[in-house]
């Protein structure tokens, strides 16, 4: 039963991690292209959008790290 729970947790973790990485890559690519071709005003707006994007990436990938640590600790108990 525990092994099945760990396998399910790993599967969900891997799927969500791949989705998170994919979304981060697509959004950063879009912001990068907009920044390269944008006017001065658009570049300022993109810089303002970049702060929540970076914070979101830190939160998402930090949560994945915490999840792995918790699962690892639960496995040892």
PDB file of N, CA and C in Angstrom:
ATOM      1  N   UNK A   1       0.823  -1.190   0.000  1.00  0.00           N
ATOM      2  CA  UNK A   1       0.000   0.000   0.000  1.00  0.00           C
ATOM      3  C   UNK A   1       0.870   1.257   0.000  1.00  0.00           C
ATOM      4  N   UNK A   2       1.924   1.282   0.823  1.00  0.00           N
ATOM      5  CA  UNK A   2       2.800   2.449   0.856  1.00  0.00           C
ATOM      6  C   UNK A   2       3.530   2.632  -0.469  1.00  0.00           C
ATOM      7  N   UNK A   3       3.953   1.523  -1.055  1.00  0.00           N
ATOM      8  CA  UNK A   3       4.656   1.613  -2.339  1.00  0.00           C
ATOM      9  C   UNK A   3       3.751   2.183  -3.420  1.00  0.00           C
ATOM     10  N   UNK A   4       2.479   1.794  -3.380  1.00  0.00           N
ATOM     11  CA  UNK A   4       1.531   2.307  -4.375  1.00  0.00           C
ATOM     12  C   UNK A   4       1.331   3.812  -4.186  1.00  0.00           C
ATOM     13  N   UNK A   5       1.272   4.251  -2.938  1.00  0.00           N
ATOM     14  CA  UNK A   5       1.126   5.676  -2.650  1.00  0.00           C
ATOM     15  C   UNK A   5       2.360   6.447  -3.116  1.00  0.00           C
ATOM     16  N   UNK A   6       3.535   5.897  -2.880  1.00  0.00           N
ATOM     17  CA  UNK A   6       4.773   6.549  -3.308  1.00  0.00           C
ATOM     18  C   UNK A   6       4.852   6.589  -4.830  1.00  0.00           C
ATOM     19  N   UNK A   7       4.477   5.503  -5.493  1.00  0.00           N
ATOM     20  CA  UNK A   7       4.496   5.485  -6.960  1.00  0.00           C
ATOM     21  C   UNK A   7       3.534   6.510  -7.531  1.00  0.00           C
ATOM     22  N   UNK A   8       2.341   6.602  -6.956  1.00  0.00           N
ATOM     23  CA  UNK A   8       1.356   7.583  -7.411  1.00  0.00           C
ATOM     24  C   UNK A   8       1.867   8.999  -7.176  1.00  0.00           C
ATOM     25  N   UNK A   9       2.470   9.221  -6.008  1.00  0.00           N
ATOM     26  CA  UNK A   9       3.016  10.532  -5.687  1.00  0.00           C
ATOM     27  C   UNK A   9       4.121  10.903  -6.669  1.00  0.00           C
ATOM     28  N   UNK A  10       4.993   9.978  -6.981  1.00  0.00           N
ATOM     29  CA  UNK A  10       6.069  10.248  -7.938  1.00  0.00           C
ATOM     30  C   UNK A  10       5.524  10.539  -9.335  1.00  0.00           C
ATOM     31  N   UNK A  11       4.483   9.797  -9.728  1.00  0.00           N
ATOM     32  CA  UNK A  11       3.879  10.022 -11.040  1.00  0.00           C
ATOM     33  C   UNK A  11       3.277  11.424 -11.124  1.00  0.00           C
ATOM     34  N   UNK A  12       2.498  11.790 -10.106  1.00  0.00           N
ATOM     35  CA  UNK A  12       1.880  13.119 -10.084  1.00  0.00           C
ATOM     36  C   UNK A  12       2.958  14.195 -10.051  1.00  0.00           C
ATOM     37  N   UNK A  13       3.990  13.983  -9.238  1.00  0.00           N
ATOM     38  CA  UNK A  13       5.105  14.932  -9.138  1.00  0.00           C
ATOM     39  C   UNK A  13       5.752  15.145 -10.503  1.00  0.00           C
ATOM     40  N   UNK A  14       6.068  14.059 -11.184  1.00  0.00           N
ATOM     41  CA  UNK A  14       6.746  14.168 -12.478  1.00  0.00           C
ATOM     42  C   UNK A  14       5.878  14.857 -13.521  1.00  0.00           C
ATOM     43  N   UNK A  15       4.597  14.528 -13.548  1.00  0.00           N
ATOM     44  CA  UNK A  15       3.687  15.161 -14.512  1.00  0.00           C
ATOM     45  C   UNK A  15       3.592  16.657 -14.249  1.00  0.00           C
ATOM     46  N   UNK A  16       3.373  17.031 -12.984  1.00  0.00           N
ATOM     47  CA  UNK A  16       3.242  18.452 -12.661  1.00  0.00           C
ATOM     48  C   UNK A  16       4.548  19.206 -12.878  1.00  0.00           C
ATOM     49  N   UNK A  17       5.670  18.555 -12.610  1.00  0.00           N
ATOM     50  CA  UNK A  17       6.962  19.205 -12.828  1.00  0.00           C
ATOM     51  C   UNK A  17       7.182  19.479 -14.311  1.00  0.00           C
ATOM     52  N   UNK A  18       6.865  18.515 -15.160  1.00  0.00           N
ATOM     53  CA  UNK A  18       7.018  18.709 -16.606  1.00  0.00           C
ATOM     54  C   UNK A  18       6.089  19.817 -17.090  1.00  0.00           C
ATOM     55  N   UNK A  19       4.857  19.837 -16.604  1.00  0.00           N
ATOM     56  CA  UNK A  19       3.918  20.897 -16.990  1.00  0.00           C
ATOM     57  C   UNK A  19       4.436  22.253 -16.514  1.00  0.00           C
ATOM     58  N   UNK A  20       4.926  22.319 -15.275  1.00  0.00           N
ATOM     59  CA  UNK A  20       5.461  23.575 -14.740  1.00  0.00           C
ATOM     60  C   UNK A  20       6.648  24.075 -15.533  1.00  0.00           C
ATOM     61  N   UNK A  21       7.556  23.180 -15.886  1.00  0.00           N
ATOM     62  CA  UNK A  21       8.717  23.566 -16.685  1.00  0.00           C
ATOM     63  C   UNK A  21       8.262  24.038 -18.068  1.00  0.00           C
ATOM     64  N   UNK A  22       7.320  23.331 -18.664  1.00  0.00           N
ATOM     65  CA  UNK A  22       6.818  23.715 -19.983  1.00  0.00           C
ATOM     66  C   UNK A  22       6.189  25.093 -19.973  1.00  0.00           C
ATOM     67  N   UNK A  23       5.359  25.354 -18.976  1.00  0.00           N
ATOM     68  CA  UNK A  23       4.709  26.663 -18.877  1.00  0.00           C
ATOM     69  C   UNK A  23       5.756  27.750 -18.656  1.00  0.00           C
ATOM     70  N   UNK A  24       6.730  27.491 -17.792  1.00  0.00           N
ATOM     71  CA  UNK A  24       7.770  28.489 -17.521  1.00  0.00           C
ATOM     72  C   UNK A  24       8.575  28.793 -18.782  1.00  0.00           C
ATOM     73  N   UNK A  25       8.898  27.770 -19.548  1.00  0.00           N
ATOM     74  CA  UNK A  25       9.677  27.982 -20.774  1.00  0.00           C
ATOM     75  C   UNK A  25       8.870  28.773 -21.799  1.00  0.00           C
ATOM     76  N   UNK A  26       7.606  28.419 -21.971  1.00  0.00           N
ATOM     77  CA  UNK A  26       6.767  29.121 -22.952  1.00  0.00           C
ATOM     78  C   UNK A  26       6.580  30.584 -22.548  1.00  0.00           C
ATOM     79  N   UNK A  27       6.249  30.822 -21.288  1.00  0.00           N
ATOM     80  CA  UNK A  27       6.011  32.200 -20.840  1.00  0.00           C
ATOM     81  C   UNK A  27       7.290  33.020 -20.920  1.00  0.00           C
ATOM     82  N   UNK A  28       8.423  32.444 -20.516  1.00  0.00           N
ATOM     83  CA  UNK A  28       9.671  33.199 -20.598  1.00  0.00           C
ATOM     84  C   UNK A  28      10.043  33.471 -22.055  1.00  0.00           C
ATOM     85  N   UNK A  29       9.766  32.548 -22.952  1.00  0.00           N
ATOM     86  CA  UNK A  29      10.016  32.780 -24.370  1.00  0.00           C
ATOM     87  C   UNK A  29       9.159  33.901 -24.917  1.00  0.00           C
ATOM     88  N   UNK A  30       7.891  33.902 -24.552  1.00  0.00           N
ATOM     89  CA  UNK A  30       6.989  34.964 -25.013  1.00  0.00           C
ATOM     90  C   UNK A  30       7.435  36.320 -24.474  1.00  0.00           C
ATOM     91  N   UNK A  31       7.769  36.356 -23.173  1.00  0.00           N
ATOM     92  CA  UNK A  31       8.223  37.622 -22.596  1.00  0.00           C
ATOM     93  C   UNK A  31       9.534  38.079 -23.242  1.00  0.00           C
ATOM     94  N   UNK A  32      10.417  37.146 -23.524  1.00  0.00           N
ATOM     95  CA  UNK A  32      11.682  37.495 -24.166  1.00  0.00           C
ATOM     96  C   UNK A  32      11.489  38.060 -25.564  1.00  0.00           C
ATOM     97  N   UNK A  33      10.623  37.434 -26.342  1.00  0.00           N
ATOM     98  CA  UNK A  33      10.355  37.930 -27.701  1.00  0.00           C
ATOM     99  C   UNK A  33       9.696  39.301 -27.650  1.00  0.00           C
ATOM    100  N   UNK A  34       8.724  39.451 -26.737  1.00  0.00           N
ATOM    101  CA  UNK A  34       8.077  40.761 -26.600  1.00  0.00           C
ATOM    102  C   UNK A  34       9.094  41.826 -26.199  1.00  0.00           C
ATOM    103  N   UNK A  35      10.023  41.446 -25.333  1.00  0.00           N
ATOM    104  CA  UNK A  35      11.037  42.406 -24.885  1.00  0.00           C
ATOM    105  C   UNK A  35      11.956  42.817 -26.031  1.00  0.00           C
ATOM    106  N   UNK A  36      12.316  41.862 -26.871  1.00  0.00           N
ATOM    107  CA  UNK A  36      13.233  42.165 -27.970  1.00  0.00           C
ATOM    108  C   UNK A  36      12.601  43.053 -29.033  1.00  0.00           C
ATOM    109  N   UNK A  37      11.313  42.851 -29.310  1.00  0.00           N
ATOM    110  CA  UNK A  37      10.693  43.605 -30.399  1.00  0.00           C
ATOM    111  C   UNK A  37       9.850  44.780 -29.911  1.00  0.00           C
ATOM    112  N   UNK A  38       9.767  44.957 -28.593  1.00  0.00           N
ATOM    113  CA  UNK A  38       8.893  45.990 -28.052  1.00  0.00           C
ATOM    114  C   UNK A  38       9.525  47.361 -28.038  1.00  0.00           C
ATOM    115  N   UNK A  39       8.656  48.351 -27.909  1.00  0.00           N
ATOM    116  CA  UNK A  39       9.114  49.730 -27.775  1.00  0.00           C
ATOM    117  C   UNK A  39       9.586  49.952 -26.338  1.00  0.00           C
ATOM    118  N   UNK A  40      10.037  51.162 -26.063  1.00  0.00           N
ATOM    119  CA  UNK A  40      10.547  51.471 -24.732  1.00  0.00           C
ATOM    120  C   UNK A  40       9.439  51.299 -23.684  1.00  0.00           C
ATOM    121  N   UNK A  41       8.238  51.751 -23.991  1.00  0.00           N
ATOM    122  CA  UNK A  41       7.125  51.633 -23.050  1.00  0.00           C
ATOM    123  C   UNK A  41       6.749  50.166 -22.830  1.00  0.00           C
ATOM    124  N   UNK A  42       6.747  49.388 -23.908  1.00  0.00           N
ATOM    125  CA  UNK A  42       6.415  47.970 -23.794  1.00  0.00           C
ATOM    126  C   UNK A  42       7.479  47.228 -22.989  1.00  0.00           C
ATOM    127  N   UNK A  43       8.743  47.628 -23.158  1.00  0.00           N
ATOM    128  CA  UNK A  43       9.817  46.999 -22.387  1.00  0.00           C
ATOM    129  C   UNK A  43       9.643  47.258 -20.893  1.00  0.00           C
ATOM    130  N   UNK A  44       9.199  48.457 -20.545  1.00  0.00           N
ATOM    131  CA  UNK A  44       8.953  48.773 -19.143  1.00  0.00           C
ATOM    132  C   UNK A  44       7.809  47.922 -18.588  1.00  0.00           C
ATOM    133  N   UNK A  45       6.767  47.721 -19.392  1.00  0.00           N
ATOM    134  CA  UNK A  45       5.647  46.889 -18.958  1.00  0.00           C
ATOM    135  C   UNK A  45       6.080  45.432 -18.798  1.00  0.00           C
ATOM    136  N   UNK A  46       6.928  44.968 -19.689  1.00  0.00           N
ATOM    137  CA  UNK A  46       7.396  43.584 -19.629  1.00  0.00           C
ATOM    138  C   UNK A  46       8.268  43.383 -18.395  1.00  0.00           C
ATOM    139  N   UNK A  47       9.088  44.367 -18.062  1.00  0.00           N
ATOM    140  CA  UNK A  47       9.887  44.275 -16.846  1.00  0.00           C
ATOM    141  C   UNK A  47       8.985  44.178 -15.620  1.00  0.00           C
ATOM    142  N   UNK A  48       7.872  44.916 -15.637  1.00  0.00           N
ATOM    143  CA  UNK A  48       6.916  44.830 -14.528  1.00  0.00           C
ATOM    144  C   UNK A  48       6.261  43.448 -14.474  1.00  0.00           C
ATOM    145  N   UNK A  49       6.031  42.824 -15.621  1.00  0.00           N
ATOM    146  CA  UNK A  49       5.449  41.485 -15.664  1.00  0.00           C
ATOM    147  C   UNK A  49       6.456  40.416 -15.263  1.00  0.00           C
ATOM    148  N   UNK A  50       7.724  40.727 -15.395  1.00  0.00           N
ATOM    149  CA  UNK A  50       8.768  39.755 -15.103  1.00  0.00           C
ATOM    150  C   UNK A  50       8.871  39.441 -13.611  1.00  0.00           C
ATOM    151  N   UNK A  51       8.591  40.408 -12.764  1.00  0.00           N
ATOM    152  CA  UNK A  51       8.694  40.197 -11.316  1.00  0.00           C
ATOM    153  C   UNK A  51       7.715  39.125 -10.843  1.00  0.00           C
ATOM    154  N   UNK A  52       6.405  39.212 -11.170  1.00  0.00           N
ATOM    155  CA  UNK A  52       5.504  38.125 -10.752  1.00  0.00           C
ATOM    156  C   UNK A  52       5.859  36.779 -11.384  1.00  0.00           C
ATOM    157  N   UNK A  53       6.391  36.804 -12.599  1.00  0.00           N
ATOM    158  CA  UNK A  53       6.785  35.555 -13.261  1.00  0.00           C
ATOM    159  C   UNK A  53       7.909  34.872 -12.484  1.00  0.00           C
ATOM    160  N   UNK A  54       8.922  35.641 -12.110  1.00  0.00           N
ATOM    161  CA  UNK A  54      10.049  35.069 -11.362  1.00  0.00           C
ATOM    162  C   UNK A  54       9.582  34.574  -9.996  1.00  0.00           C
ATOM    163  N   UNK A  55       8.752  35.342  -9.320  1.00  0.00           N
ATOM    164  CA  UNK A  55       8.226  34.918  -8.018  1.00  0.00           C
ATOM    165  C   UNK A  55       7.402  33.650  -8.178  1.00  0.00           C
ATOM    166  N   UNK A  56       6.596  33.574  -9.220  1.00  0.00           N
ATOM    167  CA  UNK A  56       5.807  32.366  -9.478  1.00  0.00           C
ATOM    168  C   UNK A  56       6.682  31.148  -9.720  1.00  0.00           C
ATOM    169  N   UNK A  57       7.760  31.330 -10.478  1.00  0.00           N
ATOM    170  CA  UNK A  57       8.687  30.215 -10.717  1.00  0.00           C
ATOM    171  C   UNK A  57       9.326  29.753  -9.420  1.00  0.00           C
ATOM    172  N   UNK A  58       9.727  30.696  -8.575  1.00  0.00           N
ATOM    173  CA  UNK A  58      10.335  30.336  -7.297  1.00  0.00           C
ATOM    174  C   UNK A  58       9.339  29.560  -6.433  1.00  0.00           C
ATOM    175  N   UNK A  59       8.097  30.022  -6.396  1.00  0.00           N
ATOM    176  CA  UNK A  59       7.077  29.345  -5.594  1.00  0.00           C
ATOM    177  C   UNK A  59       6.799  27.942  -6.132  1.00  0.00           C
ATOM    178  N   UNK A  60       6.613  27.831  -7.439  1.00  0.00           N
ATOM    179  CA  UNK A  60       6.275  26.533  -8.029  1.00  0.00           C
ATOM    180  C   UNK A  60       7.404  25.532  -7.836  1.00  0.00           C
ATOM    181  N   UNK A  61       8.625  25.918  -8.204  1.00  0.00           N
ATOM    182  CA  UNK A  61       9.723  24.969  -8.116  1.00  0.00           C
ATOM    183  C   UNK A  61      10.165  24.751  -6.681  1.00  0.00           C
ATOM    184  N   UNK A  62       9.971  25.742  -5.815  1.00  0.00           N
ATOM    185  CA  UNK A  62      10.221  25.550  -4.385  1.00  0.00           C
ATOM    186  C   UNK A  62       9.233  24.555  -3.792  1.00  0.00           C
ATOM    187  N   UNK A  63       7.983  24.632  -4.234  1.00  0.00           N
ATOM    188  CA  UNK A  63       6.973  23.685  -3.760  1.00  0.00           C
ATOM    189  C   UNK A  63       7.319  22.265  -4.186  1.00  0.00           C
ATOM    190  N   UNK A  64       7.842  22.110  -5.402  1.00  0.00           N
ATOM    191  CA  UNK A  64       8.251  20.778  -5.847  1.00  0.00           C
ATOM    192  C   UNK A  64       9.404  20.256  -4.999  1.00  0.00           C
ATOM    193  N   UNK A  65      10.324  21.128  -4.645  1.00  0.00           N
ATOM    194  CA  UNK A  65      11.431  20.716  -3.780  1.00  0.00           C
ATOM    195  C   UNK A  65      10.949  20.307  -2.408  1.00  0.00           C
ATOM    196  N   UNK A  66      10.039  21.073  -1.844  1.00  0.00           N
ATOM    197  CA  UNK A  66       9.474  20.738  -0.531  1.00  0.00           C
ATOM    198  C   UNK A  66       8.723  19.421  -0.611  1.00  0.00           C
ATOM    199  N   UNK A  67       7.962  19.219  -1.696  1.00  0.00           N
ATOM    200  CA  UNK A  67       7.217  17.972  -1.867  1.00  0.00           C
ATOM    201  C   UNK A  67       8.174  16.785  -1.857  1.00  0.00           C
ATOM    202  N   UNK A  68       9.277  16.883  -2.599  1.00  0.00           N
ATOM    203  CA  UNK A  68      10.239  15.782  -2.653  1.00  0.00           C
ATOM    204  C   UNK A  68      10.837  15.510  -1.274  1.00  0.00           C
ATOM    205  N   UNK A  69      11.132  16.564  -0.521  1.00  0.00           N
ATOM    206  CA  UNK A  69      11.690  16.391   0.810  1.00  0.00           C
ATOM    207  C   UNK A  69      10.694  15.705   1.723  1.00  0.00           C
ATOM    208  N   UNK A  70       9.441  16.128   1.692  1.00  0.00           N
ATOM    209  CA  UNK A  70       8.407  15.531   2.542  1.00  0.00           C
ATOM    210  C   UNK A  70       8.198  14.061   2.181  1.00  0.00           C
ATOM    211  N   UNK A  71       8.143  13.757   0.888  1.00  0.00           N
ATOM    212  CA  UNK A  71       7.965  12.369   0.474  1.00  0.00           C
ATOM    213  C   UNK A  71       9.172  11.523   0.905  1.00  0.00           C
ATOM    214  N   UNK A  72      10.360  12.085   0.779  1.00  0.00           N
ATOM    215  CA  UNK A  72      11.556  11.384   1.196  1.00  0.00           C
ATOM    216  C   UNK A  72      11.581  11.101   2.692  1.00  0.00           C
ATOM    217  N   UNK A  73      11.146  12.096   3.481  1.00  0.00           N
ATOM    218  CA  UNK A  73      11.082  11.906   4.923  1.00  0.00           C
ATOM    219  C   UNK A  73       9.992  10.898   5.295  1.00  0.00           C
ATOM    220  N   UNK A  74       8.860  10.973   4.610  1.00  0.00           N
ATOM    221  CA  UNK A  74       7.766  10.026   4.896  1.00  0.00           C
ATOM    222  C   UNK A  74       8.172   8.604   4.544  1.00  0.00           C
ATOM    223  N   UNK A  75       9.002   8.458   3.540  1.00  0.00           N
ATOM    224  CA  UNK A  75       9.449   7.142   3.138  1.00  0.00           C
ATOM    225  C   UNK A  75      10.338   6.510   4.207  1.00  0.00           C
ATOM    226  N   UNK A  76      11.087   7.356   4.930  1.00  0.00           N
ATOM    227  CA  UNK A  76      11.989   6.837   5.966  1.00  0.00           C
ATOM    228  C   UNK A  76      11.244   6.478   7.242  1.00  0.00           C
ATOM    229  N   UNK A  77      10.077   7.015   7.441  1.00  0.00           N
ATOM    230  CA  UNK A  77       9.309   6.728   8.675  1.00  0.00           C
ATOM    231  C   UNK A  77       8.628   5.411   8.651  1.00  0.00           C
TER     232      UNK A  77
END
